[in-house]
Amino acid sequence: MKSLALTLVLLVGSLSPMVAQSKLDFTLKNDTGVVIAEVYVTPNHSDDWEDDIMGKDVLPNGDSVDITFSRTEKTCNWDLKIVDERDEEIEWTELDLCTASHITLQYKGKKATAIIK
């Protein structure tokens, strides 16, 4: 009986990293100097930005929002695009969402950078 319980604990423990890896949740902080009206996240190899994940909400400069989503793609590298309140687009490419829990977007001098933690 003890060996069955240990086997179940080991099996459940080994599944947890796989479940965690499929979730790509992160906190997004806006340090761009603009109000973010739309956010798009897509696998790095995709040509389609798909849907705005902000919906009707906006993200003022200096604020943060929790981004929650799970995807079936087996990639860690994702691209992120924002559209600001003046309909200007800014893109960040190859963000590693498998290891990121907090992403701070910056945009200074027409250069887009991201601090990933």
PDB file of N, CA and C in Angstrom:
ATOM      1  N   MET A   1       0.819  -1.194   0.000  1.00  0.00           N
ATOM      2  CA  MET A   1       0.000   0.000   0.000  1.00  0.00           C
ATOM      3  C   MET A   1       0.867   1.264   0.000  1.00  0.00           C
ATOM      4  N   LYS A   2       1.947   1.240   0.802  1.00  0.00           N
ATOM      5  CA  LYS A   2       2.829   2.404   0.841  1.00  0.00           C
ATOM      6  C   LYS A   2       3.467   2.661  -0.516  1.00  0.00           C
ATOM      7  N   SER A   3       3.831   1.604  -1.232  1.00  0.00           N
ATOM      8  CA  SER A   3       4.461   1.793  -2.536  1.00  0.00           C
ATOM      9  C   SER A   3       3.473   2.364  -3.546  1.00  0.00           C
ATOM     10  N   LEU A   4       2.185   2.007  -3.443  1.00  0.00           N
ATOM     11  CA  LEU A   4       1.171   2.572  -4.325  1.00  0.00           C
ATOM     12  C   LEU A   4       1.005   4.059  -4.046  1.00  0.00           C
ATOM     13  N   ALA A   5       0.965   4.434  -2.770  1.00  0.00           N
ATOM     14  CA  ALA A   5       0.829   5.843  -2.404  1.00  0.00           C
ATOM     15  C   ALA A   5       2.036   6.637  -2.887  1.00  0.00           C
ATOM     16  N   LEU A   6       3.229   6.088  -2.725  1.00  0.00           N
ATOM     17  CA  LEU A   6       4.442   6.760  -3.180  1.00  0.00           C
ATOM     18  C   LEU A   6       4.442   6.901  -4.694  1.00  0.00           C
ATOM     19  N   THR A   7       3.995   5.870  -5.397  1.00  0.00           N
ATOM     20  CA  THR A   7       3.910   5.927  -6.858  1.00  0.00           C
ATOM     21  C   THR A   7       2.958   7.025  -7.300  1.00  0.00           C
ATOM     22  N   LEU A   8       1.807   7.153  -6.636  1.00  0.00           N
ATOM     23  CA  LEU A   8       0.844   8.201  -6.981  1.00  0.00           C
ATOM     24  C   LEU A   8       1.409   9.586  -6.709  1.00  0.00           C
ATOM     25  N   VAL A   9       2.097   9.746  -5.590  1.00  0.00           N
ATOM     26  CA  VAL A   9       2.711  11.040  -5.275  1.00  0.00           C
ATOM     27  C   VAL A   9       3.751  11.397  -6.326  1.00  0.00           C
ATOM     28  N   LEU A  10       4.585  10.444  -6.702  1.00  0.00           N
ATOM     29  CA  LEU A  10       5.606  10.707  -7.718  1.00  0.00           C
ATOM     30  C   LEU A  10       4.976  11.008  -9.069  1.00  0.00           C
ATOM     31  N   LEU A  11       3.909  10.291  -9.413  1.00  0.00           N
ATOM     32  CA  LEU A  11       3.231  10.522 -10.684  1.00  0.00           C
ATOM     33  C   LEU A  11       2.603  11.903 -10.718  1.00  0.00           C
ATOM     34  N   VAL A  12       1.892  12.266  -9.662  1.00  0.00           N
ATOM     35  CA  VAL A  12       1.271  13.589  -9.603  1.00  0.00           C
ATOM     36  C   VAL A  12       2.343  14.669  -9.602  1.00  0.00           C
ATOM     37  N   GLY A  13       3.416  14.454  -8.849  1.00  0.00           N
ATOM     38  CA  GLY A  13       4.507  15.424  -8.822  1.00  0.00           C
ATOM     39  C   GLY A  13       5.164  15.599 -10.169  1.00  0.00           C
ATOM     40  N   SER A  14       5.255  14.530 -10.943  1.00  0.00           N
ATOM     41  CA  SER A  14       5.881  14.640 -12.260  1.00  0.00           C
ATOM     42  C   SER A  14       4.958  15.297 -13.270  1.00  0.00           C
ATOM     43  N   LEU A  15       3.649  15.273 -13.044  1.00  0.00           N
ATOM     44  CA  LEU A  15       2.712  15.932 -13.952  1.00  0.00           C
ATOM     45  C   LEU A  15       2.653  17.434 -13.713  1.00  0.00           C
ATOM     46  N   SER A  16       2.900  17.872 -12.498  1.00  0.00           N
ATOM     47  CA  SER A  16       2.782  19.292 -12.165  1.00  0.00           C
ATOM     48  C   SER A  16       3.631  20.191 -13.043  1.00  0.00           C
ATOM     49  N   PRO A  17       4.913  19.875 -13.323  1.00  0.00           N
ATOM     50  CA  PRO A  17       5.690  20.741 -14.209  1.00  0.00           C
ATOM     51  C   PRO A  17       5.103  20.831 -15.612  1.00  0.00           C
ATOM     52  N   MET A  18       4.499  19.740 -16.106  1.00  0.00           N
ATOM     53  CA  MET A  18       3.913  19.783 -17.444  1.00  0.00           C
ATOM     54  C   MET A  18       2.707  20.709 -17.468  1.00  0.00           C
ATOM     55  N   VAL A  19       1.902  20.662 -16.407  1.00  0.00           N
ATOM     56  CA  VAL A  19       0.744  21.546 -16.328  1.00  0.00           C
ATOM     57  C   VAL A  19       1.218  22.987 -16.233  1.00  0.00           C
ATOM     58  N   ALA A  20       2.220  23.233 -15.405  1.00  0.00           N
ATOM     59  CA  ALA A  20       2.729  24.595 -15.245  1.00  0.00           C
ATOM     60  C   ALA A  20       3.313  25.126 -16.545  1.00  0.00           C
ATOM     61  N   GLN A  21       3.948  24.275 -17.328  1.00  0.00           N
ATOM     62  CA  GLN A  21       4.563  24.726 -18.566  1.00  0.00           C
ATOM     63  C   GLN A  21       3.527  25.097 -19.620  1.00  0.00           C
ATOM     64  N   SER A  22       2.320  24.530 -19.542  1.00  0.00           N
ATOM     65  CA  SER A  22       1.313  24.849 -20.546  1.00  0.00           C
ATOM     66  C   SER A  22       0.649  26.189 -20.270  1.00  0.00           C
ATOM     67  N   LYS A  23       0.737  26.675 -19.036  1.00  0.00           N
ATOM     68  CA  LYS A  23       0.177  27.975 -18.708  1.00  0.00           C
ATOM     69  C   LYS A  23       1.230  29.041 -18.972  1.00  0.00           C
ATOM     70  N   LEU A  24       0.811  30.083 -19.609  1.00  0.00           N
ATOM     71  CA  LEU A  24       1.747  31.142 -19.984  1.00  0.00           C
ATOM     72  C   LEU A  24       1.361  32.456 -19.319  1.00  0.00           C
ATOM     73  N   ASP A  25       0.863  32.387 -18.102  1.00  0.00           N
ATOM     74  CA  ASP A  25       0.402  33.563 -17.381  1.00  0.00           C
ATOM     75  C   ASP A  25       1.582  34.451 -16.985  1.00  0.00           C
ATOM     76  N   PHE A  26       1.348  35.758 -16.987  1.00  0.00           N
ATOM     77  CA  PHE A  26       2.372  36.698 -16.549  1.00  0.00           C
ATOM     78  C   PHE A  26       1.716  38.020 -16.179  1.00  0.00           C
ATOM     79  N   THR A  27       2.434  38.822 -15.421  1.00  0.00           N
ATOM     80  CA  THR A  27       1.998  40.176 -15.104  1.00  0.00           C
ATOM     81  C   THR A  27       2.663  41.114 -16.095  1.00  0.00           C
ATOM     82  N   LEU A  28       1.862  41.956 -16.726  1.00  0.00           N
ATOM     83  CA  LEU A  28       2.360  42.907 -17.717  1.00  0.00           C
ATOM     84  C   LEU A  28       2.335  44.300 -17.112  1.00  0.00           C
ATOM     85  N   LYS A  29       3.507  44.939 -17.055  1.00  0.00           N
ATOM     86  CA  LYS A  29       3.596  46.313 -16.555  1.00  0.00           C
ATOM     87  C   LYS A  29       3.855  47.249 -17.724  1.00  0.00           C
ATOM     88  N   ASN A  30       3.110  48.320 -17.762  1.00  0.00           N
ATOM     89  CA  ASN A  30       3.243  49.323 -18.814  1.00  0.00           C
ATOM     90  C   ASN A  30       4.188  50.430 -18.356  1.00  0.00           C
ATOM     91  N   ASP A  31       5.368  50.470 -18.930  1.00  0.00           N
ATOM     92  CA  ASP A  31       6.337  51.540 -18.671  1.00  0.00           C
ATOM     93  C   ASP A  31       6.729  52.174 -20.004  1.00  0.00           C
ATOM     94  N   THR A  32       5.748  52.269 -20.916  1.00  0.00           N
ATOM     95  CA  THR A  32       6.005  52.752 -22.272  1.00  0.00           C
ATOM     96  C   THR A  32       5.855  54.260 -22.419  1.00  0.00           C
ATOM     97  N   GLY A  33       5.153  54.885 -21.482  1.00  0.00           N
ATOM     98  CA  GLY A  33       4.883  56.313 -21.615  1.00  0.00           C
ATOM     99  C   GLY A  33       3.580  56.601 -22.340  1.00  0.00           C
ATOM    100  N   VAL A  34       2.867  55.560 -22.757  1.00  0.00           N
ATOM    101  CA  VAL A  34       1.581  55.723 -23.443  1.00  0.00           C
ATOM    102  C   VAL A  34       0.530  54.855 -22.751  1.00  0.00           C
ATOM    103  N   VAL A  35      -0.727  55.161 -23.005  1.00  0.00           N
ATOM    104  CA  VAL A  35      -1.823  54.323 -22.522  1.00  0.00           C
ATOM    105  C   VAL A  35      -2.018  53.182 -23.514  1.00  0.00           C
ATOM    106  N   ILE A  36      -1.978  51.948 -23.021  1.00  0.00           N
ATOM    107  CA  ILE A  36      -2.164  50.781 -23.879  1.00  0.00           C
ATOM    108  C   ILE A  36      -3.654  50.497 -24.001  1.00  0.00           C
ATOM    109  N   ALA A  37      -4.144  50.507 -25.245  1.00  0.00           N
ATOM    110  CA  ALA A  37      -5.559  50.243 -25.505  1.00  0.00           C
ATOM    111  C   ALA A  37      -5.799  48.791 -25.909  1.00  0.00           C
ATOM    112  N   GLU A  38      -4.809  48.169 -26.561  1.00  0.00           N
ATOM    113  CA  GLU A  38      -4.953  46.790 -27.034  1.00  0.00           C
ATOM    114  C   GLU A  38      -3.645  46.040 -26.813  1.00  0.00           C
ATOM    115  N   VAL A  39      -3.765  44.733 -26.519  1.00  0.00           N
ATOM    116  CA  VAL A  39      -2.599  43.859 -26.361  1.00  0.00           C
ATOM    117  C   VAL A  39      -2.855  42.584 -27.153  1.00  0.00           C
ATOM    118  N   TYR A  40      -1.872  42.192 -27.943  1.00  0.00           N
ATOM    119  CA  TYR A  40      -1.943  40.960 -28.733  1.00  0.00           C
ATOM    120  C   TYR A  40      -0.720  40.114 -28.413  1.00  0.00           C
ATOM    121  N   VAL A  41      -0.930  38.818 -28.217  1.00  0.00           N
ATOM    122  CA  VAL A  41       0.167  37.893 -27.959  1.00  0.00           C
ATOM    123  C   VAL A  41       0.001  36.712 -28.911  1.00  0.00           C
ATOM    124  N   THR A  42       1.071  36.387 -29.629  1.00  0.00           N
ATOM    125  CA  THR A  42       1.005  35.305 -30.610  1.00  0.00           C
ATOM    126  C   THR A  42       2.321  34.533 -30.619  1.00  0.00           C
ATOM    127  N   PRO A  43       2.286  33.259 -30.972  1.00  0.00           N
ATOM    128  CA  PRO A  43       3.548  32.523 -31.094  1.00  0.00           C
ATOM    129  C   PRO A  43       4.480  33.221 -32.080  1.00  0.00           C
ATOM    130  N   ASN A  44       5.764  33.173 -31.808  1.00  0.00           N
ATOM    131  CA  ASN A  44       6.761  33.868 -32.618  1.00  0.00           C
ATOM    132  C   ASN A  44       6.687  33.525 -34.094  1.00  0.00           C
ATOM    133  N   HIS A  45       6.302  32.321 -34.440  1.00  0.00           N
ATOM    134  CA  HIS A  45       6.281  31.886 -35.840  1.00  0.00           C
ATOM    135  C   HIS A  45       4.976  32.235 -36.559  1.00  0.00           C
ATOM    136  N   SER A  46       4.018  32.845 -35.875  1.00  0.00           N
ATOM    137  CA  SER A  46       2.697  33.106 -36.456  1.00  0.00           C
ATOM    138  C   SER A  46       2.653  34.444 -37.183  1.00  0.00           C
ATOM    139  N   ASP A  47       1.822  34.501 -38.227  1.00  0.00           N
ATOM    140  CA  ASP A  47       1.598  35.750 -38.956  1.00  0.00           C
ATOM    141  C   ASP A  47       0.288  36.416 -38.547  1.00  0.00           C
ATOM    142  N   ASP A  48      -0.456  35.795 -37.631  1.00  0.00           N
ATOM    143  CA  ASP A  48      -1.779  36.272 -37.234  1.00  0.00           C
ATOM    144  C   ASP A  48      -1.746  36.743 -35.782  1.00  0.00           C
ATOM    145  N   TRP A  49      -2.120  37.987 -35.545  1.00  0.00           N
ATOM    146  CA  TRP A  49      -2.120  38.527 -34.187  1.00  0.00           C
ATOM    147  C   TRP A  49      -3.327  38.069 -33.379  1.00  0.00           C
ATOM    148  N   GLU A  50      -4.329  37.514 -34.008  1.00  0.00           N
ATOM    149  CA  GLU A  50      -5.531  37.024 -33.345  1.00  0.00           C
ATOM    150  C   GLU A  50      -6.254  38.150 -32.611  1.00  0.00           C
ATOM    151  N   ASP A  51      -6.853  37.859 -31.437  1.00  0.00           N
ATOM    152  CA  ASP A  51      -7.725  38.822 -30.758  1.00  0.00           C
ATOM    153  C   ASP A  51      -6.990  39.646 -29.711  1.00  0.00           C
ATOM    154  N   ASP A  52      -7.507  40.848 -29.484  1.00  0.00           N
ATOM    155  CA  ASP A  52      -7.026  41.726 -28.424  1.00  0.00           C
ATOM    156  C   ASP A  52      -7.374  41.086 -27.079  1.00  0.00           C
ATOM    157  N   ILE A  53      -6.367  40.843 -26.241  1.00  0.00           N
ATOM    158  CA  ILE A  53      -6.640  40.197 -24.962  1.00  0.00           C
ATOM    159  C   ILE A  53      -7.009  41.185 -23.860  1.00  0.00           C
ATOM    160  N   MET A  54      -6.975  42.484 -24.144  1.00  0.00           N
ATOM    161  CA  MET A  54      -7.377  43.485 -23.156  1.00  0.00           C
ATOM    162  C   MET A  54      -8.886  43.720 -23.163  1.00  0.00           C
ATOM    163  N   GLY A  55      -9.536  43.367 -24.255  1.00  0.00           N
ATOM    164  CA  GLY A  55     -10.969  43.638 -24.337  1.00  0.00           C
ATOM    165  C   GLY A  55     -11.224  45.134 -24.351  1.00  0.00           C
ATOM    166  N   LYS A  56     -12.145  45.579 -23.517  1.00  0.00           N
ATOM    167  CA  LYS A  56     -12.494  47.006 -23.471  1.00  0.00           C
ATOM    168  C   LYS A  56     -11.634  47.786 -22.488  1.00  0.00           C
ATOM    169  N   ASP A  57     -10.798  47.091 -21.727  1.00  0.00           N
ATOM    170  CA  ASP A  57      -9.960  47.750 -20.732  1.00  0.00           C
ATOM    171  C   ASP A  57      -8.773  48.451 -21.384  1.00  0.00           C
ATOM    172  N   VAL A  58      -8.210  49.414 -20.664  1.00  0.00           N
ATOM    173  CA  VAL A  58      -6.967  50.065 -21.075  1.00  0.00           C
ATOM    174  C   VAL A  58      -5.970  49.926 -19.931  1.00  0.00           C
ATOM    175  N   LEU A  59      -4.693  50.074 -20.254  1.00  0.00           N
ATOM    176  CA  LEU A  59      -3.633  49.971 -19.257  1.00  0.00           C
ATOM    177  C   LEU A  59      -2.827  51.268 -19.257  1.00  0.00           C
ATOM    178  N   PRO A  60      -3.105  52.145 -18.283  1.00  0.00           N
ATOM    179  CA  PRO A  60      -2.363  53.406 -18.211  1.00  0.00           C
ATOM    180  C   PRO A  60      -0.876  53.175 -17.939  1.00  0.00           C
ATOM    181  N   ASN A  61      -0.059  54.140 -18.315  1.00  0.00           N
ATOM    182  CA  ASN A  61       1.367  54.073 -18.045  1.00  0.00           C
ATOM    183  C   ASN A  61       1.591  53.935 -16.539  1.00  0.00           C
ATOM    184  N   GLY A  62       2.481  53.023 -16.161  1.00  0.00           N
ATOM    185  CA  GLY A  62       2.791  52.801 -14.756  1.00  0.00           C
ATOM    186  C   GLY A  62       1.951  51.719 -14.100  1.00  0.00           C
ATOM    187  N   ASP A  63       0.872  51.294 -14.733  1.00  0.00           N
ATOM    188  CA  ASP A  63      -0.004  50.263 -14.171  1.00  0.00           C
ATOM    189  C   ASP A  63       0.378  48.877 -14.675  1.00  0.00           C
ATOM    190  N   SER A  64      -0.147  47.867 -13.989  1.00  0.00           N
ATOM    191  CA  SER A  64       0.090  46.468 -14.348  1.00  0.00           C
ATOM    192  C   SER A  64      -1.232  45.734 -14.481  1.00  0.00           C
ATOM    193  N   VAL A  65      -1.196  44.634 -15.230  1.00  0.00           N
ATOM    194  CA  VAL A  65      -2.365  43.770 -15.391  1.00  0.00           C
ATOM    195  C   VAL A  65      -1.880  42.326 -15.461  1.00  0.00           C
ATOM    196  N   ASP A  66      -2.663  41.414 -14.898  1.00  0.00           N
ATOM    197  CA  ASP A  66      -2.344  39.993 -14.993  1.00  0.00           C
ATOM    198  C   ASP A  66      -2.899  39.443 -16.296  1.00  0.00           C
ATOM    199  N   ILE A  67      -2.044  38.844 -17.094  1.00  0.00           N
ATOM    200  CA  ILE A  67      -2.435  38.222 -18.361  1.00  0.00           C
ATOM    201  C   ILE A  67      -2.498  36.715 -18.115  1.00  0.00           C
ATOM    202  N   THR A  68      -3.662  36.122 -18.354  1.00  0.00           N
ATOM    203  CA  THR A  68      -3.874  34.703 -18.111  1.00  0.00           C
ATOM    204  C   THR A  68      -4.338  34.033 -19.389  1.00  0.00           C
ATOM    205  N   PHE A  69      -3.569  33.066 -19.856  1.00  0.00           N
ATOM    206  CA  PHE A  69      -4.005  32.282 -21.001  1.00  0.00           C
ATOM    207  C   PHE A  69      -3.198  31.003 -21.099  1.00  0.00           C
ATOM    208  N   SER A  70      -3.799  30.007 -21.695  1.00  0.00           N
ATOM    209  CA  SER A  70      -3.126  28.732 -21.958  1.00  0.00           C
ATOM    210  C   SER A  70      -3.240  28.453 -23.443  1.00  0.00           C
ATOM    211  N   ARG A  71      -2.188  27.982 -24.022  1.00  0.00           N
ATOM    212  CA  ARG A  71      -2.188  27.677 -25.457  1.00  0.00           C
ATOM    213  C   ARG A  71      -1.634  26.284 -25.669  1.00  0.00           C
ATOM    214  N   THR A  72      -1.964  25.710 -26.792  1.00  0.00           N
ATOM    215  CA  THR A  72      -1.496  24.360 -27.101  1.00  0.00           C
ATOM    216  C   THR A  72      -0.156  24.358 -27.824  1.00  0.00           C
ATOM    217  N   GLU A  73       0.300  25.522 -28.285  1.00  0.00           N
ATOM    218  CA  GLU A  73       1.574  25.587 -28.996  1.00  0.00           C
ATOM    219  C   GLU A  73       2.711  25.134 -28.081  1.00  0.00           C
ATOM    220  N   LYS A  74       3.698  24.502 -28.653  1.00  0.00           N
ATOM    221  CA  LYS A  74       4.828  23.963 -27.896  1.00  0.00           C
ATOM    222  C   LYS A  74       6.010  24.928 -27.883  1.00  0.00           C
ATOM    223  N   THR A  75       5.770  26.194 -28.089  1.00  0.00           N
ATOM    224  CA  THR A  75       6.851  27.168 -28.147  1.00  0.00           C
ATOM    225  C   THR A  75       6.916  27.986 -26.866  1.00  0.00           C
ATOM    226  N   CYS A  76       8.089  28.461 -26.548  1.00  0.00           N
ATOM    227  CA  CYS A  76       8.261  29.384 -25.432  1.00  0.00           C
ATOM    228  C   CYS A  76       8.374  30.822 -25.929  1.00  0.00           C
ATOM    229  N   ASN A  77       8.734  31.005 -27.200  1.00  0.00           N
ATOM    230  CA  ASN A  77       8.960  32.341 -27.753  1.00  0.00           C
ATOM    231  C   ASN A  77       7.681  32.912 -28.345  1.00  0.00           C
ATOM    232  N   TRP A  78       7.287  34.054 -27.818  1.00  0.00           N
ATOM    233  CA  TRP A  78       6.048  34.708 -28.223  1.00  0.00           C
ATOM    234  C   TRP A  78       6.336  36.154 -28.588  1.00  0.00           C
ATOM    235  N   ASP A  79       5.516  36.688 -29.473  1.00  0.00           N
ATOM    236  CA  ASP A  79       5.587  38.100 -29.836  1.00  0.00           C
ATOM    237  C   ASP A  79       4.420  38.817 -29.171  1.00  0.00           C
ATOM    238  N   LEU A  80       4.636  40.064 -28.827  1.00  0.00           N
ATOM    239  CA  LEU A  80       3.612  40.868 -28.177  1.00  0.00           C
ATOM    240  C   LEU A  80       3.505  42.190 -28.907  1.00  0.00           C
ATOM    241  N   LYS A  81       2.283  42.608 -29.160  1.00  0.00           N
ATOM    242  CA  LYS A  81       2.045  43.897 -29.820  1.00  0.00           C
ATOM    243  C   LYS A  81       1.040  44.673 -28.993  1.00  0.00           C
ATOM    244  N   ILE A  82       1.309  45.969 -28.838  1.00  0.00           N
ATOM    245  CA  ILE A  82       0.321  46.846 -28.217  1.00  0.00           C
ATOM    246  C   ILE A  82      -0.131  47.869 -29.246  1.00  0.00           C
ATOM    247  N   VAL A  83      -1.318  48.374 -29.019  1.00  0.00           N
ATOM    248  CA  VAL A  83      -1.832  49.516 -29.771  1.00  0.00           C
ATOM    249  C   VAL A  83      -2.162  50.562 -28.722  1.00  0.00           C
ATOM    250  N   ASP A  84      -1.595  51.755 -28.882  1.00  0.00           N
ATOM    251  CA  ASP A  84      -1.842  52.785 -27.876  1.00  0.00           C
ATOM    252  C   ASP A  84      -3.115  53.558 -28.197  1.00  0.00           C
ATOM    253  N   GLU A  85      -3.418  54.534 -27.357  1.00  0.00           N
ATOM    254  CA  GLU A  85      -4.664  55.293 -27.501  1.00  0.00           C
ATOM    255  C   GLU A  85      -4.715  56.130 -28.782  1.00  0.00           C
ATOM    256  N   ARG A  86      -3.574  56.312 -29.450  1.00  0.00           N
ATOM    257  CA  ARG A  86      -3.542  57.042 -30.730  1.00  0.00           C
ATOM    258  C   ARG A  86      -3.483  56.095 -31.919  1.00  0.00           C
ATOM    259  N   ASP A  87      -3.739  54.803 -31.671  1.00  0.00           N
ATOM    260  CA  ASP A  87      -3.718  53.747 -32.689  1.00  0.00           C
ATOM    261  C   ASP A  87      -2.331  53.478 -33.258  1.00  0.00           C
ATOM    262  N   GLU A  88      -1.283  53.826 -32.524  1.00  0.00           N
ATOM    263  CA  GLU A  88       0.077  53.498 -32.947  1.00  0.00           C
ATOM    264  C   GLU A  88       0.454  52.132 -32.384  1.00  0.00           C
ATOM    265  N   GLU A  89       1.125  51.312 -33.204  1.00  0.00           N
ATOM    266  CA  GLU A  89       1.496  49.953 -32.821  1.00  0.00           C
ATOM    267  C   GLU A  89       2.964  49.876 -32.420  1.00  0.00           C
ATOM    268  N   ILE A  90       3.235  49.100 -31.369  1.00  0.00           N
ATOM    269  CA  ILE A  90       4.601  48.835 -30.917  1.00  0.00           C
ATOM    270  C   ILE A  90       4.703  47.327 -30.701  1.00  0.00           C
ATOM    271  N   GLU A  91       5.802  46.720 -31.166  1.00  0.00           N
ATOM    272  CA  GLU A  91       5.962  45.269 -31.074  1.00  0.00           C
ATOM    273  C   GLU A  91       7.221  44.878 -30.302  1.00  0.00           C
ATOM    274  N   TRP A  92       7.104  43.779 -29.572  1.00  0.00           N
ATOM    275  CA  TRP A  92       8.214  43.121 -28.900  1.00  0.00           C
ATOM    276  C   TRP A  92       8.241  41.692 -29.415  1.00  0.00           C
ATOM    277  N   THR A  93       9.417  41.187 -29.769  1.00  0.00           N
ATOM    278  CA  THR A  93       9.491  39.849 -30.362  1.00  0.00           C
ATOM    279  C   THR A  93      10.301  38.894 -29.486  1.00  0.00           C
ATOM    280  N   GLU A  94      10.000  37.622 -29.652  1.00  0.00           N
ATOM    281  CA  GLU A  94      10.717  36.522 -29.013  1.00  0.00           C
ATOM    282  C   GLU A  94      10.807  36.652 -27.496  1.00  0.00           C
ATOM    283  N   LEU A  95       9.675  36.934 -26.856  1.00  0.00           N
ATOM    284  CA  LEU A  95       9.616  36.961 -25.400  1.00  0.00           C
ATOM    285  C   LEU A  95       9.441  35.526 -24.905  1.00  0.00           C
ATOM    286  N   ASP A  96      10.271  35.097 -23.973  1.00  0.00           N
ATOM    287  CA  ASP A  96      10.203  33.728 -23.443  1.00  0.00           C
ATOM    288  C   ASP A  96       9.153  33.673 -22.336  1.00  0.00           C
ATOM    289  N   LEU A  97       7.943  33.246 -22.694  1.00  0.00           N
ATOM    290  CA  LEU A  97       6.856  33.195 -21.725  1.00  0.00           C
ATOM    291  C   LEU A  97       6.899  31.946 -20.853  1.00  0.00           C
ATOM    292  N   CYS A  98       7.742  30.987 -21.183  1.00  0.00           N
ATOM    293  CA  CYS A  98       7.869  29.791 -20.341  1.00  0.00           C
ATOM    294  C   CYS A  98       8.568  30.118 -19.025  1.00  0.00           C
ATOM    295  N   THR A  99       9.426  31.116 -19.031  1.00  0.00           N
ATOM    296  CA  THR A  99      10.166  31.476 -17.823  1.00  0.00           C
ATOM    297  C   THR A  99       9.730  32.808 -17.234  1.00  0.00           C
ATOM    298  N   ALA A 100       8.924  33.566 -17.948  1.00  0.00           N
ATOM    299  CA  ALA A 100       8.534  34.901 -17.487  1.00  0.00           C
ATOM    300  C   ALA A 100       7.338  34.841 -16.548  1.00  0.00           C
ATOM    301  N   SER A 101       7.415  35.591 -15.475  1.00  0.00           N
ATOM    302  CA  SER A 101       6.247  35.776 -14.613  1.00  0.00           C
ATOM    303  C   SER A 101       5.872  37.253 -14.550  1.00  0.00           C
ATOM    304  N   HIS A 102       6.810  38.112 -14.937  1.00  0.00           N
ATOM    305  CA  HIS A 102       6.577  39.555 -14.918  1.00  0.00           C
ATOM    306  C   HIS A 102       7.311  40.177 -16.100  1.00  0.00           C
ATOM    307  N   ILE A 103       6.577  40.916 -16.929  1.00  0.00           N
ATOM    308  CA  ILE A 103       7.175  41.583 -18.089  1.00  0.00           C
ATOM    309  C   ILE A 103       6.868  43.068 -18.001  1.00  0.00           C
ATOM    310  N   THR A 104       7.920  43.881 -18.024  1.00  0.00           N
ATOM    311  CA  THR A 104       7.763  45.332 -18.043  1.00  0.00           C
ATOM    312  C   THR A 104       8.100  45.817 -19.442  1.00  0.00           C
ATOM    313  N   LEU A 105       7.116  46.422 -20.095  1.00  0.00           N
ATOM    314  CA  LEU A 105       7.319  46.955 -21.446  1.00  0.00           C
ATOM    315  C   LEU A 105       7.818  48.384 -21.358  1.00  0.00           C
ATOM    316  N   GLN A 106       8.859  48.678 -22.121  1.00  0.00           N
ATOM    317  CA  GLN A 106       9.411  50.026 -22.189  1.00  0.00           C
ATOM    318  C   GLN A 106       9.515  50.443 -23.644  1.00  0.00           C
ATOM    319  N   TYR A 107       9.352  51.740 -23.862  1.00  0.00           N
ATOM    320  CA  TYR A 107       9.467  52.283 -25.219  1.00  0.00           C
ATOM    321  C   TYR A 107      10.043  53.684 -25.098  1.00  0.00           C
ATOM    322  N   LYS A 108      11.318  53.798 -25.455  1.00  0.00           N
ATOM    323  CA  LYS A 108      12.000  55.088 -25.351  1.00  0.00           C
ATOM    324  C   LYS A 108      12.839  55.303 -26.592  1.00  0.00           C
ATOM    325  N   GLY A 109      12.741  56.473 -27.168  1.00  0.00           N
ATOM    326  CA  GLY A 109      13.516  56.784 -28.360  1.00  0.00           C
ATOM    327  C   GLY A 109      13.201  55.870 -29.520  1.00  0.00           C
ATOM    328  N   LYS A 110      11.943  55.501 -29.652  1.00  0.00           N
ATOM    329  CA  LYS A 110      11.461  54.598 -30.710  1.00  0.00           C
ATOM    330  C   LYS A 110      12.080  53.209 -30.627  1.00  0.00           C
ATOM    331  N   LYS A 111      12.570  52.840 -29.424  1.00  0.00           N
ATOM    332  CA  LYS A 111      13.129  51.509 -29.222  1.00  0.00           C
ATOM    333  C   LYS A 111      12.287  50.770 -28.181  1.00  0.00           C
ATOM    334  N   ALA A 112      11.777  49.591 -28.584  1.00  0.00           N
ATOM    335  CA  ALA A 112      10.955  48.766 -27.704  1.00  0.00           C
ATOM    336  C   ALA A 112      11.842  47.765 -26.970  1.00  0.00           C
ATOM    337  N   THR A 113      11.808  47.794 -25.635  1.00  0.00           N
ATOM    338  CA  THR A 113      12.539  46.828 -24.827  1.00  0.00           C
ATOM    339  C   THR A 113      11.588  46.236 -23.788  1.00  0.00           C
ATOM    340  N   ALA A 114      11.964  45.078 -23.275  1.00  0.00           N
ATOM    341  CA  ALA A 114      11.168  44.422 -22.239  1.00  0.00           C
ATOM    342  C   ALA A 114      12.100  43.907 -21.153  1.00  0.00           C
ATOM    343  N   ILE A 115      11.710  44.137 -19.912  1.00  0.00           N
ATOM    344  CA  ILE A 115      12.419  43.574 -18.773  1.00  0.00           C
ATOM    345  C   ILE A 115      11.613  42.359 -18.334  1.00  0.00           C
ATOM    346  N   ILE A 116      12.246  41.196 -18.378  1.00  0.00           N
ATOM    347  CA  ILE A 116      11.549  39.941 -18.082  1.00  0.00           C
ATOM    348  C   ILE A 116      12.110  39.345 -16.799  1.00  0.00           C
ATOM    349  N   LYS A 117      11.210  39.042 -15.885  1.00  0.00           N
ATOM    350  CA  LYS A 117      11.597  38.406 -14.608  1.00  0.00           C
ATOM    351  C   LYS A 117      10.800  37.138 -14.429  1.00  0.00           C
TER     352      LYS A 117
END
